[in-house]
Amino acid sequence: MSNLLDGKVAMITGGGRGIGEASARRLAEFGAKVILADIDPASAQAVAEDITAHGGEARAVEFNVADFEVIPAKVKAAKELFGRIDILVNVAGITGSTPIEEITLESWDRMMDIDLKSMFFVTQAVFAIMKEQGYGKLVHMSSLAALRGGRSSDASYACAKAGILNLSKCFALQGAPYHITSNAVCPGNILTSMGKTLSWSKVDPKTYIPMGRYGTAEDIANAVLFYASDLSDYVTGDYMNVNGGLYM
């Protein structure tokens, strides 16, 4: 294991699968103690146990990011696991592909609650801890849809992911005096279990992606590692496109 993140504690929402799991594994590989916060505690626990079996340090916590009333208490309890939170990786979220004429008030609000509102309030709670520490790394999962609109996803998803880019800038501005950076990652078509449910996954990537393949969760985890480490100390309010050249 590398010592790039030795002594750091990382909390990853949605850490039990997909991009969240890959990010947790990558950060642990480079020395971070990781807290896997997931609505499915069994999947998070399985990942935590595997990380531990391979020499890392990990804990799993049940965390529904859309249960807004308990977010402060959940974050406080997560901090107590290792005594601090140096890195927050916001991955938990949903996607959608509802035609624009069929989006309902209920489905719109659900998307905003889970993909945007929850990210703000989880980050707000962790931000207070990072201010006291005088250090922090915030990494937010946005999407290619934030930049070019919903094509394979729907309008509510694209709007929520666009909001994340501005949310990230707001925390970057407020966090800079406290040595807190805030950046976002914009994945393209990533072949996770969620990605496999979308229409683009049935198309040969060689027909439209310059690099000729779909992305993996590990591709995104590498971007997360950069923003979570001190290699990115002078980068804040930024976002990284990881899409194999699909958008340039």
Protein backbone atom coordinates (compact mmCIF):
# COMPACT_ATOMS: atom_id res chain seq x y z
CA MET A 1 0.00 0.00 0.00
CA SER A 2 1.09 3.55 -0.71
CA ASN A 3 1.29 6.13 2.08
CA LEU A 4 -0.29 8.93 0.05
CA LEU A 5 -3.30 9.05 2.39
CA ASP A 6 -1.74 7.71 5.59
CA GLY A 7 -3.43 9.16 8.66
CA LYS A 8 -6.45 10.38 6.69
CA VAL A 9 -10.04 9.31 7.31
CA ALA A 10 -12.44 9.16 4.37
CA MET A 11 -16.22 8.87 4.45
CA ILE A 12 -17.84 7.62 1.25
CA THR A 13 -21.62 7.78 0.78
CA GLY A 14 -22.95 4.98 -1.40
CA GLY A 15 -19.81 3.07 -0.45
CA GLY A 16 -21.35 -0.37 -0.70
CA ARG A 17 -21.32 -0.73 -4.48
CA GLY A 18 -20.31 0.73 -7.82
CA ILE A 19 -18.32 3.96 -7.87
CA GLY A 20 -18.61 4.35 -4.11
CA GLU A 21 -17.13 0.91 -3.49
CA ALA A 22 -14.34 1.42 -6.01
CA SER A 23 -13.51 4.79 -4.46
CA ALA A 24 -13.41 3.32 -0.96
CA ARG A 25 -11.10 0.54 -2.11
CA ARG A 26 -8.78 2.95 -3.91
CA LEU A 27 -8.51 5.33 -0.95
CA ALA A 28 -7.90 2.42 1.41
CA GLU A 29 -5.22 1.10 -0.94
CA PHE A 30 -3.39 4.41 -0.52
CA GLY A 31 -3.58 4.35 3.27
CA ALA A 32 -6.87 6.02 4.23
CA LYS A 33 -9.14 4.67 6.91
CA VAL A 34 -12.53 4.46 5.23
CA ILE A 35 -16.12 4.77 6.44
CA LEU A 36 -18.59 3.18 4.04
CA ALA A 37 -21.94 4.93 4.50
CA ASP A 38 -24.72 3.17 2.63
CA ILE A 39 -28.47 2.65 2.78
CA ASP A 40 -27.73 -1.08 2.45
CA PRO A 41 -25.63 -1.94 5.51
CA ALA A 42 -25.02 -5.53 4.40
CA SER A 43 -23.29 -4.54 1.17
CA ALA A 44 -21.25 -1.87 2.96
CA GLN A 45 -20.25 -4.36 5.64
CA ALA A 46 -19.10 -6.89 3.04
CA VAL A 47 -16.88 -4.30 1.37
CA ALA A 48 -15.51 -3.14 4.74
CA GLU A 49 -14.65 -6.69 5.72
CA ASP A 50 -12.87 -7.32 2.43
CA ILE A 51 -10.85 -4.10 2.74
CA THR A 52 -9.87 -5.11 6.27
CA ALA A 53 -8.94 -8.62 5.11
CA HIS A 54 -6.53 -7.05 2.63
CA GLY A 55 -4.77 -4.97 5.27
CA GLY A 56 -6.83 -1.79 5.27
CA GLU A 57 -9.03 -0.19 7.90
CA ALA A 58 -12.72 0.19 7.18
CA ARG A 59 -16.06 0.52 8.96
CA ALA A 60 -19.59 0.29 7.58
CA VAL A 61 -22.51 2.44 8.73
CA GLU A 62 -26.14 2.42 7.69
CA PHE A 63 -26.87 5.83 6.20
CA ASN A 64 -29.93 6.97 4.27
CA VAL A 65 -28.76 10.31 2.86
CA ALA A 66 -32.36 11.39 2.23
CA ASP A 67 -33.32 11.06 5.90
CA PHE A 68 -32.49 14.70 6.48
CA GLU A 69 -33.43 14.94 10.14
CA VAL A 70 -30.77 12.45 11.23
CA ILE A 71 -27.90 13.55 8.98
CA PRO A 72 -26.09 15.61 11.67
CA ALA A 73 -26.25 12.73 14.17
CA LYS A 74 -25.18 10.19 11.56
CA VAL A 75 -22.18 12.30 10.56
CA LYS A 76 -21.21 12.85 14.19
CA ALA A 77 -21.36 9.10 14.83
CA ALA A 78 -19.26 8.45 11.72
CA LYS A 79 -16.62 10.89 12.93
CA GLU A 80 -16.41 9.07 16.26
CA LEU A 81 -15.35 5.85 14.50
CA PHE A 82 -11.86 7.19 13.79
CA GLY A 83 -11.90 10.59 15.54
CA ARG A 84 -12.02 12.81 12.45
CA ILE A 85 -13.17 13.07 8.83
CA ASP A 86 -10.57 14.38 6.40
CA ILE A 87 -12.19 13.34 3.14
CA LEU A 88 -15.84 13.20 2.08
CA VAL A 89 -16.76 11.48 -1.17
CA ASN A 90 -20.41 12.08 -2.08
CA VAL A 91 -21.49 9.22 -4.33
CA ALA A 92 -24.93 8.11 -3.12
CA GLY A 93 -27.59 8.85 -5.69
CA ILE A 94 -30.12 7.55 -8.19
CA THR A 95 -30.65 7.96 -11.90
CA GLY A 96 -33.71 8.22 -14.13
CA SER A 97 -34.76 8.01 -17.77
CA THR A 98 -38.33 9.29 -17.68
CA PRO A 99 -39.42 11.20 -20.82
CA ILE A 100 -39.62 14.92 -20.11
CA GLU A 101 -43.42 15.01 -20.60
CA GLU A 102 -43.89 12.28 -18.01
CA ILE A 103 -41.81 13.62 -15.11
CA THR A 104 -44.10 14.16 -12.14
CA LEU A 105 -43.79 16.49 -9.19
CA GLU A 106 -43.19 13.45 -6.99
CA SER A 107 -40.42 11.99 -9.19
CA TRP A 108 -38.78 15.42 -9.60
CA ASP A 109 -38.72 16.00 -5.84
CA ARG A 110 -37.36 12.50 -5.19
CA MET A 111 -34.50 13.09 -7.61
CA MET A 112 -33.65 16.45 -6.07
CA ASP A 113 -33.88 15.05 -2.54
CA ILE A 114 -31.54 12.13 -3.17
CA ASP A 115 -29.12 13.54 -5.73
CA LEU A 116 -28.80 17.19 -4.68
CA LYS A 117 -30.48 18.16 -1.41
CA SER A 118 -28.95 15.24 0.49
CA MET A 119 -25.50 16.04 -0.87
CA PHE A 120 -25.74 19.57 0.44
CA PHE A 121 -26.81 18.60 3.94
CA VAL A 122 -24.33 15.73 4.30
CA THR A 123 -21.56 18.04 3.13
CA GLN A 124 -22.76 20.83 5.43
CA ALA A 125 -22.45 18.50 8.43
CA VAL A 126 -18.99 17.28 7.44
CA PHE A 127 -17.89 20.82 6.52
CA ALA A 128 -18.35 21.92 10.15
CA ILE A 129 -15.99 19.14 11.26
CA MET A 130 -13.43 20.05 8.62
CA LYS A 131 -13.49 23.72 9.65
CA GLU A 132 -12.58 22.71 13.20
CA GLN A 133 -9.77 20.54 11.86
CA GLY A 134 -8.49 23.26 9.52
CA TYR A 135 -8.34 20.74 6.70
CA GLY A 136 -10.63 18.81 4.40
CA LYS A 137 -11.18 17.32 0.96
CA LEU A 138 -14.70 17.34 -0.49
CA VAL A 139 -15.34 15.29 -3.62
CA HIS A 140 -18.80 15.32 -5.21
CA MET A 141 -20.08 12.95 -7.88
CA SER A 142 -21.73 14.87 -10.69
CA SER A 143 -22.20 13.61 -14.25
CA LEU A 144 -21.62 14.29 -17.92
CA ALA A 145 -25.36 15.02 -17.96
CA ALA A 146 -24.65 18.18 -15.95
CA LEU A 147 -22.73 19.58 -18.91
CA ARG A 148 -24.72 18.49 -21.95
CA GLY A 149 -28.20 17.79 -20.62
CA GLY A 150 -30.08 14.55 -20.22
CA ARG A 151 -29.53 12.33 -23.24
CA SER A 152 -29.46 8.83 -21.84
CA SER A 153 -30.78 10.15 -18.50
CA ASP A 154 -33.72 12.40 -17.80
CA ALA A 155 -34.11 16.13 -17.19
CA SER A 156 -34.46 15.87 -13.41
CA TYR A 157 -31.20 13.90 -13.15
CA ALA A 158 -29.35 16.34 -15.42
CA CYS A 159 -30.58 19.32 -13.42
CA ALA A 160 -29.64 17.75 -10.09
CA LYS A 161 -26.15 16.90 -11.35
CA ALA A 162 -25.72 20.45 -12.71
CA GLY A 163 -26.67 21.75 -9.28
CA ILE A 164 -23.88 19.68 -7.76
CA LEU A 165 -21.30 21.62 -9.78
CA ASN A 166 -22.49 24.89 -8.24
CA LEU A 167 -22.83 23.33 -4.79
CA SER A 168 -19.19 22.26 -5.07
CA LYS A 169 -18.10 25.80 -5.95
CA CYS A 170 -19.99 27.23 -2.97
CA PHE A 171 -18.17 24.92 -0.56
CA ALA A 172 -14.89 25.66 -2.34
CA LEU A 173 -15.34 29.38 -1.78
CA GLN A 174 -16.37 29.05 1.86
CA GLY A 175 -13.81 26.37 2.63
CA ALA A 176 -10.69 27.92 1.15
CA PRO A 177 -9.73 29.93 4.30
CA TYR A 178 -9.83 26.66 6.27
CA HIS A 179 -7.70 24.63 3.83
CA ILE A 180 -10.78 22.76 2.60
CA THR A 181 -10.95 21.99 -1.11
CA SER A 182 -14.16 21.10 -2.93
CA ASN A 183 -14.22 19.53 -6.38
CA ALA A 184 -16.52 17.42 -8.52
CA VAL A 185 -16.12 14.48 -10.87
CA CYS A 186 -18.25 14.17 -14.01
CA PRO A 187 -18.35 10.54 -15.13
CA GLY A 188 -19.41 9.69 -18.66
CA ASN A 189 -20.91 6.31 -19.50
CA ILE A 190 -19.63 4.08 -16.71
CA LEU A 191 -20.50 0.39 -16.78
CA THR A 192 -21.58 -0.08 -13.16
CA SER A 193 -24.62 -2.12 -12.17
CA MET A 194 -26.65 1.10 -12.44
CA GLY A 195 -25.12 1.92 -15.82
CA LYS A 196 -26.04 -1.49 -17.18
CA THR A 197 -29.73 -0.61 -16.76
CA LEU A 198 -29.50 2.35 -19.15
CA SER A 199 -30.04 2.28 -22.91
CA TRP A 200 -26.50 3.34 -23.87
CA SER A 201 -25.04 0.18 -22.32
CA LYS A 202 -26.57 -1.87 -25.17
CA VAL A 203 -24.61 0.08 -27.82
CA ASP A 204 -21.10 -0.80 -28.97
CA PRO A 205 -18.89 1.92 -27.37
CA LYS A 206 -16.52 1.76 -30.34
CA THR A 207 -19.23 3.44 -32.41
CA TYR A 208 -19.27 6.67 -30.42
CA ILE A 209 -16.66 6.86 -27.67
CA PRO A 210 -13.21 7.94 -28.97
CA MET A 211 -11.37 5.62 -26.57
CA GLY A 212 -13.55 2.74 -27.71
CA ARG A 213 -14.75 1.43 -24.37
CA TYR A 214 -17.09 2.19 -21.52
CA GLY A 215 -15.62 3.52 -18.31
CA THR A 216 -15.23 1.48 -15.14
CA ALA A 217 -15.85 2.39 -11.52
CA GLU A 218 -12.07 2.20 -11.07
CA ASP A 219 -11.58 4.93 -13.70
CA ILE A 220 -13.71 7.24 -11.57
CA ALA A 221 -12.00 6.13 -8.36
CA ASN A 222 -8.67 7.31 -9.78
CA ALA A 223 -10.10 10.81 -10.24
CA VAL A 224 -11.48 10.68 -6.69
CA LEU A 225 -8.02 9.73 -5.41
CA PHE A 226 -6.48 12.83 -6.97
CA TYR A 227 -9.04 15.20 -5.47
CA ALA A 228 -8.91 13.41 -2.10
CA SER A 229 -5.13 13.63 -1.81
CA ASP A 230 -2.70 16.46 -1.20
CA LEU A 231 -1.74 16.25 -4.89
CA SER A 232 -4.75 18.52 -5.50
CA ASP A 233 -4.04 21.06 -2.73
CA TYR A 234 -4.15 24.03 -5.14
CA VAL A 235 -7.23 22.79 -7.03
CA THR A 236 -10.65 23.82 -5.76
CA GLY A 237 -14.01 24.73 -7.29
CA ASP A 238 -13.05 22.57 -10.25
CA TYR A 239 -14.48 19.47 -11.93
CA MET A 240 -12.92 16.62 -13.87
CA ASN A 241 -14.45 14.97 -16.93
CA VAL A 242 -13.83 11.22 -17.05
CA ASN A 243 -15.54 9.95 -20.17
CA GLY A 244 -13.05 8.49 -22.67
CA GLY A 245 -13.34 11.54 -24.90
CA LEU A 246 -17.14 11.37 -25.26
CA TYR A 247 -17.31 15.06 -24.30
CA MET A 248 -14.47 17.40 -25.13
